[in-house]
């Protein structure tokens, strides 16, 4: 196995960066970038902390984040598994990266920046959903915004319904938990999960 260990070696293989690849990077949201983010119901949030890296899926009805201004995003932290890996990382290291997916679009939006975890009452109240509020809101200051080349989504044929995998052909959450913990009651977990999820969505 031959391992690349330097930037010079990578550059020799991949060549120079195209003008479009660098021109698209902005320090604040352009109107077009804002429109893309406003249309995205899903984002992957990457954080870093003393224990290592974490990447967490975040989704919401409508838009997944709220654009506060051209350099600030607000991401409500809705109900989850209470591991709070992302939040623990942010309070110790503010660096974050976000990747937004827009159903039907092959273009992906990316944000690099810094975040804080806010529990300001007025901010929490502003995200009311079905009578509930998030316990905290991640407020992101944008350092870089840009869109990603569409090739990855095109190669994956992500939005082609004919290529979608049948859910019943995949392991259930209970099966995956039992594989990690032999005595786990997968049947009860899988039977109760849909109702529990519906009651704890927000």
Protein backbone atom coordinates (compact mmCIF):
# COMPACT_ATOMS: atom_id res chain seq x y z
CA UNK A 1 0.00 0.00 0.00
CA UNK A 2 1.35 3.42 -0.98
CA UNK A 3 0.34 6.19 1.42
CA UNK A 4 0.21 9.90 0.60
CA UNK A 5 1.75 11.90 3.43
CA UNK A 6 2.12 15.44 2.11
CA UNK A 7 0.09 18.19 0.47
CA UNK A 8 2.67 18.39 -2.31
CA UNK A 9 2.08 14.72 -3.16
CA UNK A 10 -1.68 15.28 -3.26
CA UNK A 11 -1.28 18.32 -5.51
CA UNK A 12 0.90 16.31 -7.86
CA UNK A 13 -1.90 13.76 -8.25
CA UNK A 14 -4.95 16.04 -8.35
CA UNK A 15 -3.55 19.18 -9.92
CA UNK A 16 -4.59 22.78 -9.40
CA UNK A 17 -7.93 23.85 -7.94
CA UNK A 18 -10.34 25.25 -10.54
CA UNK A 19 -11.48 28.87 -10.40
CA UNK A 20 -15.09 27.82 -9.75
CA UNK A 21 -14.01 25.75 -6.74
CA UNK A 22 -12.49 28.78 -5.01
CA UNK A 23 -14.76 31.56 -6.30
CA UNK A 24 -17.84 29.92 -4.75
CA UNK A 25 -16.53 30.30 -1.16
CA UNK A 26 -18.01 33.32 0.64
CA UNK A 27 -17.70 34.66 4.19
CA UNK A 28 -21.44 35.30 4.40
CA UNK A 29 -24.59 33.98 2.79
CA UNK A 30 -25.37 35.27 -0.67
CA UNK A 31 -29.08 35.52 -1.59
CA UNK A 32 -28.74 32.30 -3.60
CA UNK A 33 -27.02 30.47 -0.74
CA UNK A 34 -29.69 31.65 1.69
CA UNK A 35 -32.41 30.35 -0.60
CA UNK A 36 -30.75 26.94 -0.72
CA UNK A 37 -30.46 26.74 3.07
CA UNK A 38 -34.04 27.98 3.53
CA UNK A 39 -35.21 25.04 1.40
CA UNK A 40 -33.24 22.37 3.27
CA UNK A 41 -35.04 20.14 5.83
CA UNK A 42 -31.88 18.12 6.62
CA UNK A 43 -28.34 18.87 7.69
CA UNK A 44 -25.40 16.79 8.91
CA UNK A 45 -23.65 18.60 11.80
CA UNK A 46 -19.97 17.79 12.33
CA UNK A 47 -18.24 18.75 15.58
CA UNK A 48 -14.93 18.05 17.25
CA UNK A 49 -14.01 17.52 20.90
CA UNK A 50 -11.35 15.99 23.15
CA UNK A 51 -12.70 12.49 22.52
CA UNK A 52 -12.68 12.91 18.74
CA UNK A 53 -15.13 13.74 15.98
CA UNK A 54 -18.90 13.48 15.75
CA UNK A 55 -21.34 13.85 12.86
CA UNK A 56 -25.01 14.10 13.74
CA UNK A 57 -28.06 14.08 11.42
CA UNK A 58 -30.53 16.92 12.04
CA UNK A 59 -33.91 17.24 10.40
CA UNK A 60 -36.99 19.39 10.80
CA UNK A 61 -40.33 20.16 9.26
CA UNK A 62 -39.80 22.75 6.56
CA UNK A 63 -36.33 24.22 7.06
CA UNK A 64 -33.82 22.63 9.41
CA UNK A 65 -32.10 25.88 10.42
CA UNK A 66 -33.27 29.47 10.65
CA UNK A 67 -31.18 32.14 8.99
CA UNK A 68 -30.84 34.96 11.53
CA UNK A 69 -28.70 37.14 9.27
CA UNK A 70 -26.15 36.64 6.50
CA UNK A 71 -23.55 35.32 8.94
CA UNK A 72 -25.69 33.63 11.61
CA UNK A 73 -27.74 30.41 11.66
CA UNK A 74 -29.88 28.98 14.47
CA UNK A 75 -30.37 25.21 14.75
CA UNK A 76 -32.89 24.02 17.39
CA UNK A 77 -31.88 20.89 19.30
CA UNK A 78 -35.01 18.74 19.25
CA UNK A 79 -35.66 15.46 21.03
CA UNK A 80 -33.07 12.75 20.48
CA UNK A 81 -31.23 10.04 22.35
CA UNK A 82 -29.81 12.38 25.04
CA UNK A 83 -26.22 11.49 24.18
CA UNK A 84 -25.68 15.22 23.41
CA UNK A 85 -22.36 14.39 21.72
CA UNK A 86 -22.57 17.43 19.45
CA UNK A 87 -23.44 19.79 22.30
CA UNK A 88 -20.66 18.48 24.53
CA UNK A 89 -18.19 19.02 21.71
CA UNK A 90 -19.38 22.55 20.96
CA UNK A 91 -19.10 23.78 24.56
CA UNK A 92 -15.46 22.65 24.52
CA UNK A 93 -14.52 23.40 20.89
CA UNK A 94 -16.71 25.78 18.86
CA UNK A 95 -15.64 24.57 15.40
CA UNK A 96 -18.50 23.10 13.36
CA UNK A 97 -19.20 22.05 9.79
CA UNK A 98 -22.65 21.62 8.26
CA UNK A 99 -23.75 19.84 5.09
CA UNK A 100 -27.29 20.58 3.88
CA UNK A 101 -29.28 18.29 1.59
CA UNK A 102 -32.28 19.56 -0.37
CA UNK A 103 -34.60 16.77 -1.60
CA UNK A 104 -34.61 16.75 -5.39
CA UNK A 105 -31.49 18.93 -5.74
CA UNK A 106 -28.10 17.49 -6.67
CA UNK A 107 -26.34 20.54 -5.19
CA UNK A 108 -25.26 20.39 -1.55
CA UNK A 109 -24.70 23.43 0.68
CA UNK A 110 -21.79 23.50 3.11
CA UNK A 111 -21.02 25.80 6.03
CA UNK A 112 -17.89 25.99 8.16
CA UNK A 113 -17.98 28.12 11.27
CA UNK A 114 -18.13 28.40 15.03
CA UNK A 115 -21.04 27.63 17.33
CA UNK A 116 -22.38 28.25 20.82
CA UNK A 117 -25.19 26.50 22.69
CA UNK A 118 -27.89 28.96 23.78
CA UNK A 119 -30.72 28.48 26.27
CA UNK A 120 -32.01 32.05 26.01
CA UNK A 121 -35.75 31.81 26.83
CA UNK A 122 -36.87 34.06 23.98
CA UNK A 123 -34.83 32.06 21.47
CA UNK A 124 -36.25 28.75 22.71
CA UNK A 125 -39.79 30.15 22.58
CA UNK A 126 -39.29 31.28 18.99
CA UNK A 127 -38.93 27.67 17.84
CA UNK A 128 -42.25 26.39 19.15
CA UNK A 129 -43.42 23.27 17.32
CA UNK A 130 -46.66 21.47 18.20
CA UNK A 131 -46.64 23.23 21.57
CA UNK A 132 -43.09 22.13 22.40
CA UNK A 133 -39.76 23.94 22.49
CA UNK A 134 -36.15 22.77 22.06
CA UNK A 135 -34.07 22.52 25.22
CA UNK A 136 -31.28 24.46 23.52
CA UNK A 137 -30.43 26.14 20.23
CA UNK A 138 -27.10 25.89 18.43
CA UNK A 139 -26.17 29.34 17.13
CA UNK A 140 -23.63 29.20 14.30
CA UNK A 141 -21.42 32.05 13.10
CA UNK A 142 -20.48 31.45 9.47
CA UNK A 143 -16.80 31.52 8.46
CA UNK A 144 -17.27 29.92 5.04
CA UNK A 145 -20.29 29.15 2.87
CA UNK A 146 -20.23 27.33 -0.44
CA UNK A 147 -22.06 24.76 -2.54
CA UNK A 148 -20.68 21.33 -3.27
CA UNK A 149 -20.20 19.83 -6.71
CA UNK A 150 -23.28 17.75 -7.63
CA UNK A 151 -21.36 14.67 -8.77
CA UNK A 152 -21.59 12.79 -5.44
CA UNK A 153 -25.39 13.02 -5.26
CA UNK A 154 -25.64 12.23 -8.97
CA UNK A 155 -23.43 9.16 -8.63
CA UNK A 156 -25.48 7.98 -5.65
CA UNK A 157 -28.74 8.55 -7.57
CA UNK A 158 -29.98 9.70 -4.19
CA UNK A 159 -33.35 11.07 -5.30
CA UNK A 160 -34.19 8.35 -7.84
CA UNK A 161 -37.14 6.54 -6.20
CA UNK A 162 -36.48 3.48 -8.34
CA UNK A 163 -33.11 3.13 -6.61
CA UNK A 164 -34.46 3.53 -3.08
CA UNK A 165 -33.82 0.56 -0.78
CA UNK A 166 -36.86 -1.24 0.61
CA UNK A 167 -36.94 -0.61 4.37
CA UNK A 168 -37.88 -4.22 5.14
CA UNK A 169 -34.67 -5.41 3.47
CA UNK A 170 -32.54 -3.60 6.08
CA UNK A 171 -31.83 -4.48 9.72
CA UNK A 172 -34.34 -2.93 12.12
CA UNK A 173 -33.14 -0.64 14.95
CA UNK A 174 -33.86 -3.48 17.37
CA UNK A 175 -31.76 -5.93 15.36
CA UNK A 176 -28.84 -3.50 15.28
CA UNK A 177 -29.11 -2.94 19.03
CA UNK A 178 -29.20 -6.67 19.70
CA UNK A 179 -26.10 -7.14 17.56
CA UNK A 180 -24.30 -4.70 19.87
CA UNK A 181 -25.84 -6.08 23.11
CA UNK A 182 -26.78 -9.74 22.95
CA UNK A 183 -29.49 -9.72 25.62
CA UNK A 184 -31.29 -6.66 24.21
CA UNK A 185 -35.05 -7.15 23.69
CA UNK A 186 -35.24 -6.25 20.01
CA UNK A 187 -38.82 -7.42 19.48
CA UNK A 188 -40.25 -5.09 22.13
CA UNK A 189 -38.08 -2.19 20.98
CA UNK A 190 -39.12 -2.50 17.33
CA UNK A 191 -42.80 -2.96 18.25
CA UNK A 192 -42.90 0.14 20.49
CA UNK A 193 -40.56 2.40 18.50
CA UNK A 194 -43.00 3.87 15.92
CA UNK A 195 -45.47 5.06 18.57
CA UNK A 196 -42.70 6.33 20.84
CA UNK A 197 -41.10 8.27 17.99
CA UNK A 198 -44.41 9.84 16.98
CA UNK A 199 -44.96 11.10 20.54
CA UNK A 200 -41.43 12.47 20.99
CA UNK A 201 -40.72 14.06 17.60
CA UNK A 202 -40.33 17.52 19.17
